[in-house]
């Protein structure tokens, strides 16, 4: 997804199936569980496009602490980045990064949503950013109480459905349900 700053944002999951025991989502030496911010106007080298100006320590990683960011999108009017992050065992979440926030840590695998997940991470974490919305797997009964899978969506800015204008619309793969939320500060 291209951001309002002209850079390419690429999301990657943590790469494991259960709990990220190696804390890859916060490990600064790999790209797992992160959102990269890349400069595609620069010349690509042996490792692809370089990090965008302003990334921490010149690394490709920008946002960290994500389990499986399944679809990211920018609000075309306000520039807010919306992240649908698939949970591990209990909680699906929607997180945001506002323009000007800089790099954020969304807490996985120390936290799942706003709940303590309990993994110890030996890496510097700084402050952790909570999701703006979450739902637990008990709400996705079609798939069973232990499953759920958010599919991130988009902020609707069209004119054909005035009642949805400005709402973030997303869904859940397991239940087939669609949700909407409006984010204010």
Protein backbone atom coordinates (compact mmCIF):
# COMPACT_ATOMS: atom_id res chain seq x y z
CA UNK A 1 0.00 0.00 0.00
CA UNK A 2 1.41 3.41 -0.90
CA UNK A 3 1.19 5.97 1.89
CA UNK A 4 0.48 9.67 1.58
CA UNK A 5 4.23 10.22 2.00
CA UNK A 6 4.82 8.40 -1.33
CA UNK A 7 6.56 5.43 0.30
CA UNK A 8 5.53 1.79 -0.11
CA UNK A 9 4.27 0.06 3.06
CA UNK A 10 4.54 -3.76 3.04
CA UNK A 11 3.09 -5.90 5.85
CA UNK A 12 4.45 -9.30 6.90
CA UNK A 13 3.21 -11.76 9.52
CA UNK A 14 5.37 -13.19 12.28
CA UNK A 15 6.09 -16.36 10.29
CA UNK A 16 5.08 -18.95 12.89
CA UNK A 17 1.87 -20.74 13.69
CA UNK A 18 1.81 -20.57 17.47
CA UNK A 19 2.68 -17.66 19.73
CA UNK A 20 5.88 -16.29 18.13
CA UNK A 21 8.12 -17.91 20.79
CA UNK A 22 11.25 -16.29 19.32
CA UNK A 23 9.62 -12.85 19.49
CA UNK A 24 10.30 -12.26 15.79
CA UNK A 25 7.64 -9.54 15.66
CA UNK A 26 9.87 -7.34 17.84
CA UNK A 27 13.27 -8.64 16.72
CA UNK A 28 15.08 -5.77 14.94
CA UNK A 29 17.18 -8.19 12.86
CA UNK A 30 14.36 -9.59 10.70
CA UNK A 31 11.28 -8.40 8.82
CA UNK A 32 8.73 -10.79 10.36
CA UNK A 33 5.73 -9.30 12.17
CA UNK A 34 6.43 -5.85 10.81
CA UNK A 35 5.35 -3.22 8.34
CA UNK A 36 8.20 -2.11 6.13
CA UNK A 37 8.43 1.40 4.68
CA UNK A 38 10.37 1.44 1.41
CA UNK A 39 11.53 4.05 -1.08
CA UNK A 40 10.61 2.70 -4.52
CA UNK A 41 11.89 5.85 -6.24
CA UNK A 42 15.42 4.92 -5.15
CA UNK A 43 17.55 2.39 -6.97
CA UNK A 44 16.93 -1.17 -5.83
CA UNK A 45 20.01 -3.06 -4.72
CA UNK A 46 20.77 -6.69 -3.98
CA UNK A 47 18.26 -6.69 -1.12
CA UNK A 48 15.51 -4.84 -2.98
CA UNK A 49 14.38 -1.30 -2.43
CA UNK A 50 16.05 0.68 0.35
CA UNK A 51 14.46 1.89 3.56
CA UNK A 52 12.57 5.16 3.34
CA UNK A 53 14.14 8.27 4.80
CA UNK A 54 13.19 8.63 8.45
CA UNK A 55 12.97 4.91 9.23
CA UNK A 56 14.55 4.02 12.61
CA UNK A 57 18.26 3.18 12.28
CA UNK A 58 17.89 3.15 8.48
CA UNK A 59 16.13 -0.25 8.69
CA UNK A 60 13.34 -1.32 6.34
CA UNK A 61 11.08 -2.05 9.34
CA UNK A 62 8.88 0.81 10.40
CA UNK A 63 6.02 -0.55 12.54
CA UNK A 64 6.68 -3.65 14.67
CA UNK A 65 4.82 -6.02 17.01
CA UNK A 66 2.22 -7.40 14.57
CA UNK A 67 1.06 -11.01 14.38
CA UNK A 68 -0.46 -11.18 10.92
CA UNK A 69 -1.46 -7.81 9.47
CA UNK A 70 -3.98 -9.13 6.96
CA UNK A 71 -4.65 -6.09 4.83
CA UNK A 72 -3.48 -2.59 5.52
CA UNK A 73 -4.93 0.55 3.96
CA UNK A 74 -4.66 4.30 4.17
CA UNK A 75 -7.64 6.61 4.55
CA UNK A 76 -7.27 8.67 1.35
CA UNK A 77 -8.57 11.83 3.03
CA UNK A 78 -6.83 11.77 6.40
CA UNK A 79 -3.78 9.58 5.74
CA UNK A 80 -4.41 7.30 8.73
CA UNK A 81 -3.02 3.77 8.27
CA UNK A 82 -5.54 1.05 9.25
CA UNK A 83 -4.22 -2.41 10.11
CA UNK A 84 -6.39 -5.53 10.40
CA UNK A 85 -4.22 -7.83 12.56
CA UNK A 86 -5.21 -11.49 12.82
CA UNK A 87 -5.00 -12.74 16.40
CA UNK A 88 -3.42 -15.91 17.72
CA UNK A 89 -5.91 -17.63 20.00
CA UNK A 90 -8.44 -15.16 21.24
CA UNK A 91 -8.54 -11.62 19.82
CA UNK A 92 -8.77 -9.99 16.39
CA UNK A 93 -7.82 -6.32 16.23
CA UNK A 94 -7.87 -3.11 14.25
CA UNK A 95 -4.93 -0.79 14.87
CA UNK A 96 -4.10 2.60 13.41
CA UNK A 97 -1.07 4.77 12.81
CA UNK A 98 -1.82 8.46 12.38
CA UNK A 99 0.21 10.67 10.06
CA UNK A 100 3.10 12.02 12.10
CA UNK A 101 3.02 9.18 14.67
CA UNK A 102 6.35 7.79 13.50
CA UNK A 103 7.22 4.14 14.08
CA UNK A 104 4.93 2.25 16.49
CA UNK A 105 5.10 -1.03 18.40
CA UNK A 106 1.72 -2.81 18.44
CA UNK A 107 2.77 -5.25 21.16
CA UNK A 108 2.65 -8.77 19.69
CA UNK A 109 3.62 -11.27 21.19
CA UNK A 110 3.65 -9.57 24.59
CA UNK A 111 0.01 -8.59 24.07
CA UNK A 112 -2.84 -9.90 21.95
CA UNK A 113 -5.16 -6.94 21.52
CA UNK A 114 -5.25 -5.24 24.90
CA UNK A 115 -4.79 -8.54 26.79
CA UNK A 116 -1.50 -9.84 28.13
CA UNK A 117 -0.34 -12.73 25.92
CA UNK A 118 2.67 -13.44 28.09
CA UNK A 119 5.61 -13.95 25.76
CA UNK A 120 8.86 -12.49 27.07
CA UNK A 121 10.75 -10.48 24.48
CA UNK A 122 14.41 -9.63 25.08
CA UNK A 123 14.29 -6.67 22.68
CA UNK A 124 13.71 -3.02 23.59
CA UNK A 125 9.99 -2.38 23.29
CA UNK A 126 9.33 1.23 24.23
CA UNK A 127 5.65 2.03 24.66
CA UNK A 128 3.09 -0.34 23.17
CA UNK A 129 0.18 0.91 21.05
CA UNK A 130 -3.24 -0.60 21.78
CA UNK A 131 -5.72 -1.36 19.00
CA UNK A 132 -8.62 1.02 18.44
CA UNK A 133 -11.04 -1.93 18.22
CA UNK A 134 -10.96 -5.64 18.95
CA UNK A 135 -13.29 -8.61 19.16
CA UNK A 136 -12.80 -12.02 20.64
CA UNK A 137 -13.21 -15.36 18.94
CA UNK A 138 -16.36 -16.15 20.91
CA UNK A 139 -18.08 -13.67 18.56
CA UNK A 140 -17.21 -15.79 15.50
CA UNK A 141 -19.27 -18.84 16.48
CA UNK A 142 -19.66 -20.07 12.93
CA UNK A 143 -16.05 -21.27 13.04
CA UNK A 144 -16.00 -22.22 16.72
CA UNK A 145 -14.89 -20.37 19.81
CA UNK A 146 -11.19 -20.90 19.11
CA UNK A 147 -11.08 -19.37 15.65
CA UNK A 148 -11.50 -16.03 13.96
CA UNK A 149 -9.66 -14.22 11.23
CA UNK A 150 -10.02 -10.50 10.62
CA UNK A 151 -9.72 -9.25 7.07
CA UNK A 152 -8.76 -5.59 7.12
CA UNK A 153 -10.71 -3.22 4.94
CA UNK A 154 -10.92 0.37 3.80
CA UNK A 155 -12.32 3.72 4.85
CA UNK A 156 -15.18 4.40 2.46
CA UNK A 157 -14.92 7.80 0.83
CA UNK A 158 -17.34 7.30 -2.04
CA UNK A 159 -20.66 9.01 -2.62
CA UNK A 160 -22.95 6.10 -3.58
CA UNK A 161 -23.58 5.05 0.05
CA UNK A 162 -23.61 8.30 2.05
CA UNK A 163 -24.26 6.47 5.34
CA UNK A 164 -20.88 4.71 5.07
CA UNK A 165 -18.80 7.75 4.14
CA UNK A 166 -15.90 8.03 6.60
CA UNK A 167 -16.46 4.57 8.10
CA UNK A 168 -13.77 1.86 8.09
CA UNK A 169 -15.39 -1.30 6.69
CA UNK A 170 -13.81 -4.71 7.37
CA UNK A 171 -14.82 -8.33 7.89
CA UNK A 172 -14.09 -11.70 9.44
CA UNK A 173 -13.19 -14.64 7.21
CA UNK A 174 -14.56 -17.28 9.60
CA UNK A 175 -17.93 -15.77 10.39
CA UNK A 176 -18.42 -13.95 7.09
CA UNK A 177 -19.59 -10.94 9.10
CA UNK A 178 -18.90 -7.38 7.99
CA UNK A 179 -18.19 -4.62 10.48
CA UNK A 180 -17.80 -0.87 10.38
CA UNK A 181 -16.19 1.57 12.75
CA UNK A 182 -15.54 5.26 12.79
CA UNK A 183 -12.25 6.38 14.24
CA UNK A 184 -11.93 9.75 15.98
CA UNK A 185 -8.61 10.64 17.63
